[in-house]
Amino acid sequence: MKKIIKTTLFLSFILITQSCGIYNLTGGNVGSAKTFRVPLFQNYAAQSAGSTIEPGVDRDFTLALQDLLLNQTSLDIVNNGGDLLYEGEIVEYRIAPMTATAQQTAAQNRLTIGVNVRFFNTTKEDADFEKRFSFFYDFPAASLLASVKSEAHEVIFERITQDIFNESLGDW
C-alpha cells in the first residue's frame, strides 16, 4: 500500500513539473539575451520645477539597477554593447508637505524620485520602450531629510528598479 502511494506521488510530481516547464521565480524572461548594460543615469532633476539636485543619487540609482539585474537574472554586465540596454535620467527629486497640523504646519513630508528609462532589447523585436517610473517615501516633518535619506533612497530605489525589471523582463 505504501509503495502505491509513493509511486502515485512520484508520478504526480513528475507530471506537474513537466507540464510547468522551466519556471523562474523572479518572473524575468531574458530570452536569448546574455548581457546587459546600464550606463550612469544622469541627474537632471533640477530641470523639473520644484525639484532639486541630490549629489550622488545618480550613481546610487545606477548601482541599484545593476545589482537588481545581476541578482535576478543570469545576465552578465558589460561596459560596451550588450543585448539589453537600460539608459535614462533622474528627472525628479522633490520634497513636498503631505499632511498639515491644526497649527497650519506640515506634519508629514514626501520625498518623490522620478526616473525616465529607455530600454532597448537587441534580441527581441518590439520589446523596446521609454517610460517614466517614480515612487515616494513619507517621513515626519520634524525629521530632516538627511536623517531618513538612506532608508528613503533604499525603499524608493527598490520599488523603481523592480518596476523597471517587471516592465522590461517580466512576463506576467
Protein backbone atom coordinates (compact mmCIF):
# COMPACT_ATOMS: atom_id res chain seq x y z
CA MET A 1 0.00 0.00 0.00
CA LYS A 2 2.84 2.42 0.87
CA LYS A 3 4.52 1.58 -2.42
CA ILE A 4 1.40 2.50 -4.39
CA ILE A 5 1.10 5.84 -2.58
CA LYS A 6 4.78 6.64 -3.11
CA THR A 7 4.56 5.72 -6.78
CA THR A 8 1.41 7.82 -7.24
CA LEU A 9 3.00 10.83 -5.52
CA PHE A 10 6.17 10.45 -7.56
CA LEU A 11 4.28 10.24 -10.86
CA SER A 12 2.11 13.22 -9.88
CA PHE A 13 5.21 15.24 -9.08
CA ILE A 14 6.79 14.33 -12.43
CA LEU A 15 3.64 15.29 -14.35
CA ILE A 16 3.27 18.61 -12.53
CA THR A 17 6.89 19.66 -13.01
CA GLN A 18 6.98 18.56 -16.64
CA SER A 19 3.82 20.45 -17.51
CA CYS A 20 5.10 23.65 -15.94
CA GLY A 21 8.32 23.70 -17.91
CA ILE A 22 11.10 25.96 -16.71
CA TYR A 23 9.86 28.48 -14.21
CA ASN A 24 11.83 31.41 -12.92
CA LEU A 25 10.73 32.65 -9.50
CA THR A 26 11.63 36.23 -10.33
CA GLY A 27 9.36 36.18 -13.36
CA GLY A 28 12.12 37.51 -15.58
CA ASN A 29 12.41 36.28 -19.13
CA VAL A 30 15.73 37.25 -20.66
CA GLY A 31 15.07 35.24 -23.81
CA SER A 32 18.28 34.75 -25.76
CA ALA A 33 20.00 37.78 -24.16
CA LYS A 34 23.31 37.11 -22.46
CA THR A 35 24.48 40.59 -21.43
CA PHE A 36 23.16 43.94 -20.28
CA ARG A 37 24.50 47.45 -19.88
CA VAL A 38 23.39 50.24 -17.55
CA PRO A 39 25.30 53.49 -18.18
CA LEU A 40 25.18 56.19 -15.49
CA PHE A 41 21.71 57.70 -15.13
CA GLN A 42 22.36 61.45 -15.32
CA ASN A 43 20.70 63.65 -12.72
CA TYR A 44 18.53 66.24 -14.49
CA ALA A 45 16.11 66.72 -11.60
CA ALA A 46 16.85 70.45 -11.32
CA GLN A 47 15.25 70.96 -14.75
CA SER A 48 11.87 69.98 -13.27
CA ALA A 49 10.01 72.71 -11.38
CA GLY A 50 10.21 72.16 -7.62
CA SER A 51 12.92 69.51 -7.87
CA THR A 52 16.41 69.73 -6.50
CA ILE A 53 19.74 68.07 -7.28
CA GLU A 54 20.84 65.47 -4.75
CA PRO A 55 24.56 64.68 -5.16
CA GLY A 56 25.31 61.00 -5.66
CA VAL A 57 21.74 59.91 -6.33
CA ASP A 58 22.63 59.22 -9.98
CA ARG A 59 25.43 56.83 -9.02
CA ASP A 60 23.37 55.15 -6.28
CA PHE A 61 20.39 54.57 -8.56
CA THR A 62 22.56 53.20 -11.39
CA LEU A 63 24.21 50.75 -8.98
CA ALA A 64 20.83 49.69 -7.56
CA LEU A 65 19.52 48.85 -11.05
CA GLN A 66 22.71 46.98 -11.96
CA ASP A 67 22.57 45.00 -8.70
CA LEU A 68 18.93 44.03 -9.23
CA LEU A 69 19.63 42.77 -12.76
CA LEU A 70 22.69 40.84 -11.63
CA ASN A 71 20.81 39.26 -8.71
CA GLN A 72 17.57 38.37 -10.51
CA THR A 73 18.88 37.22 -13.88
CA SER A 74 21.69 35.13 -15.30
CA LEU A 75 22.85 38.06 -17.43
CA ASP A 76 26.40 39.40 -17.37
CA ILE A 77 27.08 43.13 -17.14
CA VAL A 78 29.21 44.73 -19.87
CA ASN A 79 30.67 48.21 -20.41
CA ASN A 80 30.06 48.35 -24.18
CA GLY A 81 27.41 46.84 -26.41
CA GLY A 82 25.13 44.42 -24.58
CA ASP A 83 21.98 42.62 -25.61
CA LEU A 84 19.89 44.72 -23.22
CA LEU A 85 20.46 48.43 -22.66
CA TYR A 86 18.91 50.43 -19.81
CA GLU A 87 19.57 54.14 -20.07
CA GLY A 88 17.90 57.28 -18.85
CA GLU A 89 17.97 60.09 -16.37
CA ILE A 90 16.67 61.11 -12.98
CA VAL A 91 14.04 63.72 -13.76
CA GLU A 92 12.51 64.42 -10.34
CA TYR A 93 13.80 64.72 -6.78
CA ARG A 94 11.17 66.59 -4.83
CA ILE A 95 10.26 67.07 -1.18
CA ALA A 96 6.72 68.29 -0.56
CA PRO A 97 4.49 68.58 2.51
CA MET A 98 1.74 65.94 2.57
CA THR A 99 -0.37 66.49 5.67
CA ALA A 100 -0.89 69.52 7.90
CA THR A 101 -1.43 70.02 11.61
CA ALA A 102 -4.03 72.23 13.25
CA GLN A 103 -1.36 74.92 13.51
CA GLN A 104 -1.04 75.04 9.71
CA THR A 105 2.39 73.38 9.67
CA ALA A 106 3.45 70.25 7.86
CA ALA A 107 3.03 67.01 9.80
CA GLN A 108 4.47 64.79 7.10
CA ASN A 109 6.73 65.29 4.09
CA ARG A 110 7.05 63.18 0.97
CA LEU A 111 10.24 62.57 -1.00
CA THR A 112 9.45 61.65 -4.61
CA ILE A 113 12.02 60.43 -7.11
CA GLY A 114 11.18 60.10 -10.81
CA VAL A 115 13.31 58.33 -13.40
CA ASN A 116 12.91 58.32 -17.17
CA VAL A 117 14.08 54.98 -18.65
CA ARG A 118 14.79 53.92 -22.22
CA PHE A 119 15.08 50.16 -22.67
CA PHE A 120 16.48 48.52 -25.79
CA ASN A 121 16.47 44.76 -26.39
CA THR A 122 18.57 43.74 -29.41
CA THR A 123 17.36 40.13 -29.22
CA LYS A 124 13.61 40.71 -29.27
CA GLU A 125 11.64 42.93 -31.59
CA ASP A 126 9.02 45.28 -30.16
CA ALA A 127 10.37 44.99 -26.59
CA ASP A 128 11.89 48.48 -26.52
CA PHE A 129 10.20 51.21 -24.51
CA GLU A 130 10.63 54.64 -22.97
CA LYS A 131 8.75 55.20 -19.75
CA ARG A 132 8.81 57.29 -16.60
CA PHE A 133 8.90 55.49 -13.23
CA SER A 134 8.51 57.14 -9.85
CA PHE A 135 7.92 56.31 -6.23
CA PHE A 136 7.84 58.14 -2.91
CA TYR A 137 8.76 57.90 0.76
CA ASP A 138 6.79 59.67 3.50
CA PHE A 139 8.56 60.86 6.64
CA PRO A 140 7.68 63.04 9.64
CA ALA A 141 8.07 66.76 9.04
CA ALA A 142 10.03 67.02 12.29
CA SER A 143 12.75 64.81 10.73
CA LEU A 144 15.38 66.22 8.43
CA LEU A 145 15.82 64.53 5.07
CA ALA A 146 19.45 63.81 5.98
CA SER A 147 18.29 61.57 8.86
CA VAL A 148 15.99 59.42 6.66
CA LYS A 149 17.69 59.77 3.28
CA SER A 150 19.46 56.42 3.32
CA GLU A 151 16.29 54.47 4.15
CA ALA A 152 14.19 56.60 1.80
CA HIS A 153 16.53 56.01 -1.14
CA GLU A 154 16.64 52.28 -0.43
CA VAL A 155 12.83 52.00 -0.38
CA ILE A 156 12.34 54.17 -3.46
CA PHE A 157 15.13 52.55 -5.49
CA GLU A 158 13.88 49.07 -4.64
CA ARG A 159 10.41 49.88 -5.94
CA ILE A 160 11.52 51.75 -9.06
CA THR A 161 14.14 49.17 -10.08
CA GLN A 162 11.65 46.33 -9.56
CA ASP A 163 9.10 48.20 -11.70
CA ILE A 164 11.74 48.66 -14.43
CA PHE A 165 12.63 44.97 -14.22
CA ASN A 166 8.96 43.94 -14.46
CA GLU A 167 8.36 46.23 -17.44
CA SER A 168 11.43 45.06 -19.35
CA LEU A 169 11.74 41.38 -18.47
CA GLY A 170 8.61 40.43 -16.57
CA ASP A 171 6.30 38.11 -18.43
CA TRP A 172 3.22 38.46 -16.29
